[in-house]
N, C-alpha and C. Protein backbone atom coordinates (compact mmCIF):
# COMPACT_ATOMS: atom_id res chain seq x y z
N MET A 1 -12.61 -4.35 4.64
CA MET A 1 -11.70 -5.28 4.00
C MET A 1 -10.99 -6.09 5.09
N LYS A 2 -10.99 -7.39 4.90
CA LYS A 2 -10.30 -8.28 5.83
C LYS A 2 -8.86 -8.48 5.32
N VAL A 3 -7.89 -8.36 6.23
CA VAL A 3 -6.48 -8.55 5.90
C VAL A 3 -5.99 -9.79 6.64
N THR A 4 -5.44 -10.75 5.88
CA THR A 4 -4.96 -12.00 6.46
C THR A 4 -3.48 -12.18 6.15
N LYS A 5 -2.68 -12.42 7.19
CA LYS A 5 -1.25 -12.71 6.99
C LYS A 5 -1.10 -14.11 6.42
N THR A 6 0.01 -14.32 5.72
CA THR A 6 0.33 -15.64 5.17
C THR A 6 1.59 -16.16 5.85
N ALA A 7 2.04 -17.32 5.44
CA ALA A 7 3.27 -17.91 6.00
C ALA A 7 4.52 -17.16 5.57
N LEU A 8 4.41 -16.29 4.57
CA LEU A 8 5.54 -15.46 4.13
C LEU A 8 5.36 -14.06 4.71
N PRO A 9 6.26 -13.63 5.58
CA PRO A 9 6.11 -12.31 6.20
C PRO A 9 5.98 -11.20 5.16
N GLY A 10 4.95 -10.38 5.34
CA GLY A 10 4.70 -9.26 4.43
C GLY A 10 3.73 -9.56 3.31
N VAL A 11 3.54 -10.83 2.97
CA VAL A 11 2.60 -11.22 1.93
C VAL A 11 1.22 -11.33 2.59
N LEU A 12 0.24 -10.61 2.04
CA LEU A 12 -1.08 -10.52 2.66
C LEU A 12 -2.19 -10.90 1.68
N VAL A 13 -3.25 -11.51 2.20
CA VAL A 13 -4.47 -11.73 1.44
C VAL A 13 -5.46 -10.66 1.88
N LEU A 14 -6.01 -9.93 0.93
CA LEU A 14 -6.97 -8.86 1.20
C LEU A 14 -8.32 -9.31 0.64
N THR A 15 -9.32 -9.36 1.50
CA THR A 15 -10.64 -9.82 1.08
C THR A 15 -11.65 -8.71 1.30
N PRO A 16 -12.14 -8.11 0.22
CA PRO A 16 -13.13 -7.04 0.37
C PRO A 16 -14.52 -7.60 0.66
N ALA A 17 -15.36 -6.76 1.20
CA ALA A 17 -16.77 -7.14 1.37
C ALA A 17 -17.40 -7.26 -0.02
N ILE A 18 -18.24 -8.27 -0.19
CA ILE A 18 -18.95 -8.47 -1.45
C ILE A 18 -20.43 -8.30 -1.17
N TYR A 19 -21.08 -7.47 -1.96
CA TYR A 19 -22.51 -7.23 -1.82
C TYR A 19 -23.22 -7.90 -2.99
N ARG A 20 -24.05 -8.90 -2.68
CA ARG A 20 -24.73 -9.69 -3.71
C ARG A 20 -26.24 -9.48 -3.59
N ASP A 21 -26.88 -9.46 -4.73
CA ASP A 21 -28.35 -9.47 -4.78
C ASP A 21 -28.76 -10.11 -6.08
N GLN A 22 -30.03 -10.01 -6.43
CA GLN A 22 -30.54 -10.68 -7.63
C GLN A 22 -29.89 -10.17 -8.92
N ARG A 23 -29.30 -8.99 -8.88
CA ARG A 23 -28.65 -8.43 -10.08
C ARG A 23 -27.25 -8.96 -10.29
N GLY A 24 -26.60 -9.42 -9.20
CA GLY A 24 -25.22 -9.87 -9.29
C GLY A 24 -24.46 -9.51 -8.04
N ALA A 25 -23.27 -8.91 -8.22
CA ALA A 25 -22.42 -8.62 -7.06
C ALA A 25 -21.64 -7.34 -7.28
N PHE A 26 -21.19 -6.76 -6.15
CA PHE A 26 -20.36 -5.57 -6.15
C PHE A 26 -19.30 -5.72 -5.07
N CYS A 27 -18.05 -5.31 -5.39
CA CYS A 27 -17.00 -5.22 -4.37
C CYS A 27 -16.04 -4.11 -4.78
N GLU A 28 -15.41 -3.49 -3.80
CA GLU A 28 -14.37 -2.50 -4.08
C GLU A 28 -13.09 -3.24 -4.42
N THR A 29 -12.50 -2.92 -5.56
CA THR A 29 -11.23 -3.55 -5.92
C THR A 29 -10.05 -2.70 -5.50
N PHE A 30 -10.29 -1.44 -5.15
CA PHE A 30 -9.21 -0.61 -4.65
C PHE A 30 -9.81 0.53 -3.85
N ASN A 31 -9.25 0.75 -2.65
CA ASN A 31 -9.63 1.84 -1.79
C ASN A 31 -8.36 2.31 -1.12
N LEU A 32 -7.86 3.47 -1.50
CA LEU A 32 -6.57 3.94 -1.02
C LEU A 32 -6.50 3.97 0.50
N ARG A 33 -7.54 4.48 1.14
CA ARG A 33 -7.54 4.56 2.61
C ARG A 33 -7.38 3.16 3.23
N ALA A 34 -8.14 2.19 2.74
CA ALA A 34 -8.06 0.83 3.27
C ALA A 34 -6.69 0.21 2.99
N MET A 35 -6.13 0.48 1.82
CA MET A 35 -4.81 -0.05 1.49
C MET A 35 -3.75 0.53 2.40
N GLU A 36 -3.80 1.84 2.63
CA GLU A 36 -2.82 2.47 3.52
C GLU A 36 -2.97 1.94 4.94
N GLN A 37 -4.20 1.71 5.40
CA GLN A 37 -4.41 1.15 6.74
C GLN A 37 -3.84 -0.26 6.84
N ALA A 38 -3.81 -0.99 5.74
CA ALA A 38 -3.24 -2.34 5.71
C ALA A 38 -1.71 -2.30 5.57
N GLY A 39 -1.14 -1.09 5.42
CA GLY A 39 0.31 -0.97 5.30
C GLY A 39 0.83 -1.07 3.88
N LEU A 40 -0.05 -0.98 2.90
CA LEU A 40 0.37 -1.05 1.50
C LEU A 40 0.77 0.31 0.98
N PRO A 41 1.53 0.35 -0.11
CA PRO A 41 1.93 1.62 -0.70
C PRO A 41 0.73 2.44 -1.18
N SER A 42 0.96 3.73 -1.37
CA SER A 42 -0.10 4.59 -1.89
C SER A 42 0.18 5.03 -3.33
N LEU A 43 1.36 4.70 -3.84
CA LEU A 43 1.73 5.07 -5.21
C LEU A 43 1.81 3.81 -6.07
N TRP A 44 1.03 3.78 -7.14
CA TRP A 44 0.97 2.65 -8.05
C TRP A 44 1.15 3.19 -9.47
N PRO A 45 2.38 3.27 -9.99
CA PRO A 45 2.58 3.91 -11.29
C PRO A 45 2.14 3.10 -12.50
N GLN A 46 1.82 1.82 -12.32
CA GLN A 46 1.46 1.01 -13.48
C GLN A 46 0.44 -0.05 -13.09
N ASP A 47 -0.57 -0.24 -13.94
CA ASP A 47 -1.53 -1.34 -13.81
C ASP A 47 -1.34 -2.26 -15.01
N ASN A 48 -1.48 -3.57 -14.79
CA ASN A 48 -1.33 -4.56 -15.86
C ASN A 48 -2.53 -5.50 -15.85
N PHE A 49 -2.79 -6.10 -16.99
CA PHE A 49 -3.90 -7.04 -17.11
C PHE A 49 -3.52 -8.12 -18.12
N SER A 50 -3.79 -9.37 -17.78
CA SER A 50 -3.58 -10.47 -18.73
C SER A 50 -4.80 -11.37 -18.73
N VAL A 51 -4.99 -12.06 -19.84
CA VAL A 51 -6.02 -13.07 -19.96
C VAL A 51 -5.31 -14.37 -20.33
N SER A 52 -5.64 -15.43 -19.62
CA SER A 52 -4.97 -16.72 -19.85
C SER A 52 -6.01 -17.81 -20.03
N SER A 53 -5.68 -18.75 -20.90
CA SER A 53 -6.50 -19.95 -21.09
C SER A 53 -6.13 -20.98 -20.03
N LYS A 54 -6.99 -21.95 -19.86
CA LYS A 54 -6.73 -23.01 -18.89
C LYS A 54 -5.37 -23.65 -19.16
N ASN A 55 -4.63 -23.92 -18.09
CA ASN A 55 -3.31 -24.56 -18.10
C ASN A 55 -2.17 -23.63 -18.51
N VAL A 56 -2.47 -22.35 -18.74
CA VAL A 56 -1.37 -21.40 -18.97
C VAL A 56 -0.69 -21.15 -17.62
N LEU A 57 0.61 -21.29 -17.62
CA LEU A 57 1.40 -21.08 -16.42
C LEU A 57 2.38 -19.95 -16.68
N ARG A 58 2.34 -18.93 -15.84
CA ARG A 58 3.22 -17.76 -15.98
C ARG A 58 4.07 -17.65 -14.73
N GLY A 59 5.40 -17.55 -14.93
CA GLY A 59 6.27 -17.31 -13.79
C GLY A 59 7.35 -18.36 -13.68
N ILE A 60 8.17 -18.16 -12.76
CA ILE A 60 8.22 -17.30 -11.59
C ILE A 60 8.98 -16.01 -11.98
N HIS A 61 8.30 -14.86 -11.93
CA HIS A 61 8.85 -13.59 -12.42
C HIS A 61 9.16 -12.64 -11.27
N TYR A 62 10.16 -11.77 -11.52
CA TYR A 62 10.52 -10.71 -10.58
C TYR A 62 11.50 -9.78 -11.29
N GLN A 63 11.77 -8.65 -10.68
CA GLN A 63 12.74 -7.68 -11.20
C GLN A 63 13.78 -7.40 -10.14
N VAL A 64 15.07 -7.55 -10.52
CA VAL A 64 16.15 -7.23 -9.57
C VAL A 64 16.50 -5.75 -9.62
N HIS A 65 16.28 -5.09 -10.75
CA HIS A 65 16.43 -3.64 -10.87
C HIS A 65 15.01 -3.09 -10.96
N GLN A 66 14.75 -2.03 -10.21
CA GLN A 66 13.39 -1.51 -10.10
C GLN A 66 12.44 -2.61 -9.61
N PRO A 67 12.77 -3.25 -8.48
CA PRO A 67 11.88 -4.30 -7.98
C PRO A 67 10.47 -3.77 -7.77
N GLN A 68 9.51 -4.64 -7.97
CA GLN A 68 8.11 -4.24 -7.88
C GLN A 68 7.39 -4.97 -6.77
N GLY A 69 6.61 -4.22 -5.98
CA GLY A 69 5.58 -4.81 -5.16
C GLY A 69 4.37 -4.97 -6.07
N LYS A 70 3.56 -6.00 -5.84
CA LYS A 70 2.40 -6.25 -6.70
C LYS A 70 1.15 -6.46 -5.86
N LEU A 71 0.07 -5.87 -6.29
CA LEU A 71 -1.25 -6.13 -5.72
C LEU A 71 -2.03 -6.83 -6.82
N VAL A 72 -2.25 -8.14 -6.67
CA VAL A 72 -2.82 -8.95 -7.74
C VAL A 72 -4.23 -9.40 -7.39
N ARG A 73 -5.05 -9.59 -8.44
CA ARG A 73 -6.40 -10.11 -8.25
C ARG A 73 -6.86 -10.75 -9.55
N VAL A 74 -7.83 -11.64 -9.43
CA VAL A 74 -8.43 -12.29 -10.58
C VAL A 74 -9.76 -11.58 -10.85
N THR A 75 -9.96 -11.15 -12.09
CA THR A 75 -11.21 -10.47 -12.45
C THR A 75 -12.31 -11.46 -12.79
N HIS A 76 -11.94 -12.57 -13.40
CA HIS A 76 -12.89 -13.62 -13.73
C HIS A 76 -12.13 -14.93 -13.88
N GLY A 77 -12.79 -16.03 -13.50
CA GLY A 77 -12.12 -17.32 -13.53
C GLY A 77 -11.37 -17.57 -12.22
N ALA A 78 -10.36 -18.44 -12.30
CA ALA A 78 -9.59 -18.80 -11.11
C ALA A 78 -8.16 -19.13 -11.50
N VAL A 79 -7.24 -18.82 -10.60
CA VAL A 79 -5.83 -19.17 -10.78
C VAL A 79 -5.28 -19.73 -9.48
N LEU A 80 -4.23 -20.53 -9.61
CA LEU A 80 -3.42 -20.89 -8.45
C LEU A 80 -2.27 -19.89 -8.47
N ASP A 81 -2.22 -19.02 -7.47
CA ASP A 81 -1.23 -17.96 -7.41
C ASP A 81 -0.10 -18.41 -6.48
N VAL A 82 1.14 -18.25 -6.92
CA VAL A 82 2.30 -18.71 -6.17
C VAL A 82 3.26 -17.56 -5.94
N VAL A 83 3.73 -17.44 -4.69
CA VAL A 83 4.69 -16.42 -4.30
C VAL A 83 5.88 -17.14 -3.67
N VAL A 84 7.11 -16.75 -4.08
CA VAL A 84 8.34 -17.36 -3.57
C VAL A 84 9.21 -16.28 -2.96
N ASP A 85 9.70 -16.52 -1.75
CA ASP A 85 10.60 -15.57 -1.09
C ASP A 85 11.99 -15.70 -1.71
N LEU A 86 12.47 -14.61 -2.33
CA LEU A 86 13.77 -14.61 -3.01
C LEU A 86 14.80 -13.73 -2.30
N ARG A 87 14.57 -13.47 -1.03
CA ARG A 87 15.50 -12.66 -0.24
C ARG A 87 16.42 -13.60 0.54
N ARG A 88 17.68 -13.66 0.10
CA ARG A 88 18.65 -14.59 0.70
C ARG A 88 18.73 -14.47 2.22
N SER A 89 18.59 -13.26 2.74
CA SER A 89 18.73 -13.03 4.18
C SER A 89 17.46 -13.34 4.97
N SER A 90 16.41 -13.73 4.30
CA SER A 90 15.12 -13.97 4.96
C SER A 90 15.07 -15.36 5.60
N PRO A 91 14.44 -15.48 6.77
CA PRO A 91 14.26 -16.81 7.35
C PRO A 91 13.34 -17.71 6.52
N THR A 92 12.56 -17.11 5.61
CA THR A 92 11.69 -17.92 4.75
C THR A 92 12.22 -17.98 3.30
N PHE A 93 13.54 -17.74 3.13
CA PHE A 93 14.14 -17.79 1.80
C PHE A 93 13.82 -19.13 1.12
N ALA A 94 13.41 -19.05 -0.15
CA ALA A 94 13.09 -20.19 -1.02
C ALA A 94 11.80 -20.91 -0.63
N LYS A 95 11.10 -20.41 0.37
CA LYS A 95 9.79 -20.97 0.72
C LYS A 95 8.74 -20.30 -0.17
N HIS A 96 7.60 -20.96 -0.30
CA HIS A 96 6.55 -20.41 -1.15
C HIS A 96 5.18 -20.60 -0.49
N ILE A 97 4.23 -19.85 -1.01
CA ILE A 97 2.82 -20.09 -0.69
C ILE A 97 2.09 -20.25 -2.02
N ALA A 98 1.02 -21.00 -1.99
CA ALA A 98 0.17 -21.18 -3.17
C ALA A 98 -1.27 -20.97 -2.71
N ILE A 99 -1.96 -20.03 -3.35
CA ILE A 99 -3.32 -19.66 -2.96
C ILE A 99 -4.19 -19.60 -4.21
N GLU A 100 -5.38 -20.19 -4.13
CA GLU A 100 -6.32 -20.06 -5.23
C GLU A 100 -7.04 -18.72 -5.11
N LEU A 101 -6.94 -17.91 -6.16
CA LEU A 101 -7.64 -16.63 -6.24
C LEU A 101 -8.74 -16.77 -7.28
N THR A 102 -9.92 -16.20 -6.99
CA THR A 102 -11.02 -16.29 -7.94
C THR A 102 -11.69 -14.93 -8.12
N GLY A 103 -12.27 -14.73 -9.28
CA GLY A 103 -13.06 -13.54 -9.52
C GLY A 103 -14.31 -13.52 -8.67
N GLU A 104 -14.84 -14.68 -8.37
CA GLU A 104 -16.05 -14.81 -7.56
C GLU A 104 -15.85 -14.30 -6.13
N ARG A 105 -14.69 -14.61 -5.56
CA ARG A 105 -14.43 -14.21 -4.17
C ARG A 105 -13.78 -12.83 -4.05
N CYS A 106 -13.26 -12.30 -5.15
CA CYS A 106 -12.69 -10.93 -5.20
C CYS A 106 -11.47 -10.72 -4.31
N GLU A 107 -10.83 -11.77 -3.82
CA GLU A 107 -9.69 -11.55 -2.96
C GLU A 107 -8.50 -11.03 -3.77
N MET A 108 -7.59 -10.34 -3.05
CA MET A 108 -6.39 -9.79 -3.65
C MET A 108 -5.20 -10.30 -2.85
N LEU A 109 -4.04 -10.28 -3.47
CA LEU A 109 -2.82 -10.72 -2.81
C LEU A 109 -1.79 -9.61 -2.94
N TRP A 110 -1.25 -9.17 -1.79
CA TRP A 110 -0.17 -8.18 -1.78
C TRP A 110 1.15 -8.93 -1.71
N ILE A 111 2.02 -8.66 -2.69
CA ILE A 111 3.32 -9.30 -2.80
C ILE A 111 4.38 -8.20 -2.75
N PRO A 112 5.11 -8.06 -1.64
CA PRO A 112 6.12 -6.99 -1.55
C PRO A 112 7.32 -7.25 -2.46
N GLU A 113 8.16 -6.25 -2.59
CA GLU A 113 9.43 -6.41 -3.30
C GLU A 113 10.23 -7.54 -2.65
N GLY A 114 11.00 -8.25 -3.47
CA GLY A 114 11.84 -9.33 -2.94
C GLY A 114 11.25 -10.72 -3.10
N PHE A 115 10.09 -10.78 -3.72
CA PHE A 115 9.42 -12.06 -3.92
C PHE A 115 9.24 -12.32 -5.41
N GLY A 116 9.29 -13.60 -5.80
CA GLY A 116 8.94 -14.00 -7.15
C GLY A 116 7.47 -14.37 -7.20
N HIS A 117 6.90 -14.30 -8.40
CA HIS A 117 5.47 -14.52 -8.54
C HIS A 117 5.15 -15.29 -9.81
N GLY A 118 4.16 -16.16 -9.71
CA GLY A 118 3.67 -16.88 -10.87
C GLY A 118 2.26 -17.37 -10.62
N PHE A 119 1.59 -17.81 -11.68
CA PHE A 119 0.26 -18.37 -11.50
C PHE A 119 -0.07 -19.34 -12.63
N LEU A 120 -1.03 -20.21 -12.31
CA LEU A 120 -1.56 -21.19 -13.25
C LEU A 120 -3.04 -20.93 -13.41
N ALA A 121 -3.51 -20.76 -14.66
CA ALA A 121 -4.94 -20.59 -14.92
C ALA A 121 -5.65 -21.93 -14.73
N LEU A 122 -6.65 -21.93 -13.85
CA LEU A 122 -7.38 -23.15 -13.51
C LEU A 122 -8.69 -23.30 -14.26
N THR A 123 -9.18 -22.21 -14.85
CA THR A 123 -10.46 -22.22 -15.55
C THR A 123 -10.24 -21.98 -17.04
N ASP A 124 -11.27 -22.18 -17.84
CA ASP A 124 -11.14 -22.02 -19.29
C ASP A 124 -10.55 -20.67 -19.66
N VAL A 125 -10.96 -19.63 -18.94
CA VAL A 125 -10.42 -18.28 -19.13
C VAL A 125 -10.24 -17.66 -17.76
N ALA A 126 -9.10 -17.01 -17.55
CA ALA A 126 -8.85 -16.31 -16.28
C ALA A 126 -8.30 -14.92 -16.60
N GLY A 127 -8.97 -13.90 -16.06
CA GLY A 127 -8.49 -12.52 -16.17
C GLY A 127 -7.69 -12.19 -14.94
N PHE A 128 -6.52 -11.57 -15.13
CA PHE A 128 -5.60 -11.31 -14.02
C PHE A 128 -5.17 -9.86 -14.08
N ALA A 129 -5.49 -9.10 -13.04
CA ALA A 129 -5.15 -7.68 -12.97
C ALA A 129 -4.18 -7.44 -11.82
N TYR A 130 -3.22 -6.54 -12.05
CA TYR A 130 -2.31 -6.23 -10.95
C TYR A 130 -1.74 -4.84 -11.06
N LYS A 131 -1.62 -4.23 -9.89
CA LYS A 131 -0.98 -2.94 -9.73
C LYS A 131 0.45 -3.21 -9.30
N VAL A 132 1.39 -2.36 -9.75
CA VAL A 132 2.79 -2.53 -9.35
C VAL A 132 3.35 -1.21 -8.83
N THR A 133 4.35 -1.33 -7.96
CA THR A 133 4.92 -0.15 -7.30
C THR A 133 6.04 0.51 -8.08
N ASP A 134 6.45 -0.08 -9.20
CA ASP A 134 7.45 0.54 -10.06
C ASP A 134 7.19 0.08 -11.49
N TYR A 135 7.79 0.78 -12.43
CA TYR A 135 7.58 0.48 -13.84
C TYR A 135 8.29 -0.81 -14.24
N TYR A 136 7.81 -1.41 -15.31
CA TYR A 136 8.45 -2.58 -15.89
C TYR A 136 9.85 -2.22 -16.34
N SER A 137 10.81 -3.08 -16.02
CA SER A 137 12.21 -2.88 -16.37
C SER A 137 12.73 -4.11 -17.09
N PRO A 138 12.75 -4.09 -18.44
CA PRO A 138 13.20 -5.28 -19.17
C PRO A 138 14.59 -5.76 -18.76
N GLU A 139 15.50 -4.80 -18.50
CA GLU A 139 16.86 -5.19 -18.12
C GLU A 139 16.93 -5.77 -16.71
N GLY A 140 15.94 -5.50 -15.89
CA GLY A 140 15.91 -6.03 -14.53
C GLY A 140 15.08 -7.28 -14.37
N GLU A 141 14.35 -7.65 -15.41
CA GLU A 141 13.44 -8.81 -15.32
C GLU A 141 14.22 -10.12 -15.24
N ARG A 142 13.76 -11.00 -14.37
CA ARG A 142 14.35 -12.32 -14.20
C ARG A 142 13.23 -13.35 -14.11
N THR A 143 13.58 -14.60 -14.45
CA THR A 143 12.62 -15.70 -14.39
C THR A 143 13.29 -16.92 -13.80
N ILE A 144 12.68 -17.47 -12.76
CA ILE A 144 13.13 -18.74 -12.20
C ILE A 144 12.23 -19.82 -12.78
N LEU A 145 12.83 -20.95 -13.08
CA LEU A 145 12.10 -22.06 -13.67
C LEU A 145 10.92 -22.45 -12.79
N TRP A 146 9.74 -22.47 -13.37
CA TRP A 146 8.50 -22.68 -12.62
C TRP A 146 8.47 -24.03 -11.90
N ASN A 147 9.14 -25.04 -12.47
CA ASN A 147 9.13 -26.37 -11.86
C ASN A 147 10.49 -26.77 -11.31
N ASP A 148 11.25 -25.79 -10.82
CA ASP A 148 12.55 -26.04 -10.20
C ASP A 148 12.36 -27.00 -9.01
N PRO A 149 13.03 -28.15 -9.02
CA PRO A 149 12.85 -29.12 -7.93
C PRO A 149 13.20 -28.55 -6.55
N GLU A 150 14.13 -27.60 -6.50
CA GLU A 150 14.51 -27.01 -5.21
C GLU A 150 13.34 -26.25 -4.58
N LEU A 151 12.49 -25.64 -5.40
CA LEU A 151 11.33 -24.92 -4.87
C LEU A 151 10.20 -25.87 -4.50
N ALA A 152 10.09 -26.98 -5.19
CA ALA A 152 9.07 -28.01 -4.92
C ALA A 152 7.66 -27.43 -4.81
N ILE A 153 7.31 -26.58 -5.77
CA ILE A 153 5.97 -26.00 -5.80
C ILE A 153 5.01 -27.09 -6.29
N PRO A 154 3.93 -27.33 -5.54
CA PRO A 154 3.00 -28.41 -5.93
C PRO A 154 2.00 -27.96 -7.00
N TRP A 155 2.50 -27.60 -8.17
CA TRP A 155 1.61 -27.21 -9.26
C TRP A 155 0.69 -28.39 -9.58
N PRO A 156 -0.60 -28.16 -9.74
CA PRO A 156 -1.52 -29.26 -10.05
C PRO A 156 -1.58 -29.55 -11.56
N ILE A 157 -0.40 -29.65 -12.16
CA ILE A 157 -0.32 -29.89 -13.60
C ILE A 157 1.03 -30.53 -13.91
N THR A 158 1.07 -31.35 -14.95
CA THR A 158 2.33 -31.95 -15.37
C THR A 158 3.02 -31.01 -16.36
N PRO A 159 4.34 -31.10 -16.47
CA PRO A 159 5.06 -30.24 -17.43
C PRO A 159 4.54 -30.39 -18.86
N GLU A 160 4.07 -31.57 -19.23
CA GLU A 160 3.58 -31.80 -20.59
C GLU A 160 2.29 -31.02 -20.86
N LYS A 161 1.46 -30.83 -19.83
CA LYS A 161 0.19 -30.14 -20.01
C LYS A 161 0.28 -28.64 -19.78
N ALA A 162 1.33 -28.19 -19.10
CA ALA A 162 1.47 -26.76 -18.82
C ALA A 162 1.77 -26.01 -20.11
N ILE A 163 1.08 -24.91 -20.31
CA ILE A 163 1.31 -24.04 -21.47
C ILE A 163 2.16 -22.88 -20.98
N VAL A 164 3.43 -22.88 -21.39
CA VAL A 164 4.37 -21.87 -20.90
C VAL A 164 5.04 -21.16 -22.08
N SER A 165 5.43 -19.94 -21.84
CA SER A 165 6.15 -19.17 -22.85
C SER A 165 7.60 -19.66 -22.93
N ASP A 166 8.30 -19.25 -23.98
CA ASP A 166 9.72 -19.59 -24.09
C ASP A 166 10.49 -19.00 -22.91
N LYS A 167 10.13 -17.77 -22.52
CA LYS A 167 10.80 -17.12 -21.38
C LYS A 167 10.67 -17.99 -20.13
N ASP A 168 9.48 -18.51 -19.87
CA ASP A 168 9.26 -19.32 -18.68
C ASP A 168 9.88 -20.71 -18.82
N ARG A 169 9.86 -21.26 -20.00
CA ARG A 169 10.47 -22.57 -20.25
C ARG A 169 11.98 -22.49 -20.05
N ASN A 170 12.56 -21.32 -20.33
CA ASN A 170 14.01 -21.13 -20.22
C ASN A 170 14.43 -20.44 -18.93
N GLY A 171 13.55 -20.41 -17.92
CA GLY A 171 13.92 -19.84 -16.63
C GLY A 171 15.10 -20.58 -16.04
N VAL A 172 15.75 -19.97 -15.07
CA VAL A 172 16.93 -20.58 -14.45
C VAL A 172 16.57 -21.20 -13.11
N ALA A 173 17.40 -22.09 -12.65
CA ALA A 173 17.22 -22.71 -11.34
C ALA A 173 17.50 -21.68 -10.25
N LEU A 174 16.84 -21.83 -9.12
CA LEU A 174 17.04 -20.91 -8.00
C LEU A 174 18.51 -20.83 -7.60
N ARG A 175 19.21 -21.94 -7.60
CA ARG A 175 20.60 -21.96 -7.13
C ARG A 175 21.54 -21.08 -7.94
N VAL A 176 21.16 -20.73 -9.18
CA VAL A 176 22.01 -19.87 -10.01
C VAL A 176 21.35 -18.54 -10.34
N ALA A 177 20.18 -18.31 -9.78
CA ALA A 177 19.40 -17.10 -10.12
C ALA A 177 20.00 -15.85 -9.47
N ASP A 178 19.82 -14.76 -10.15
CA ASP A 178 20.17 -13.43 -9.66
C ASP A 178 19.02 -13.00 -8.75
N ILE A 179 19.25 -13.02 -7.43
CA ILE A 179 18.15 -12.75 -6.50
C ILE A 179 18.52 -11.61 -5.55
N PHE A 180 17.72 -11.41 -4.53
CA PHE A 180 17.89 -10.30 -3.60
C PHE A 180 18.80 -10.69 -2.44
N PRO A 181 19.50 -9.69 -1.86
CA PRO A 181 20.39 -9.99 -0.72
C PRO A 181 19.63 -10.51 0.49
């Protein structure tokens, strides 16, 4: 597995070897030994999976109580995955990265605690799987407005075409958000 650092300290792209032949392809989506060697946690109490139609935009989500590290990957299709540093004391506070993840390439993204996360489905259907380091906490869940001008995330979609939930439509601006120290 290849491990690549990103512009946000601690956020990593993990690219497994893919074995292809006339039948199709194979890749390891999780190997505890390789994850531990990359510095990732070894305890994952919850796995989640979503399916999104093209132009569905989810995020920017995070938990202030029971914060979660996330290991995310696309099972099929493609998404633009966005990570935002929400740690006030960080030199990269309010900065973001945007990476296209695809089921074809099998890459994964490690997002430590203290970061917000969202994605936009780029294909007709996109399957999105992720492991988390703590359980879902409804009382700790927070949402920052996906198109907050202060974040200036270059989403390749207009607000009129983005399909967002009420929760995401009603997210708050970063300047008033409950974030990490």
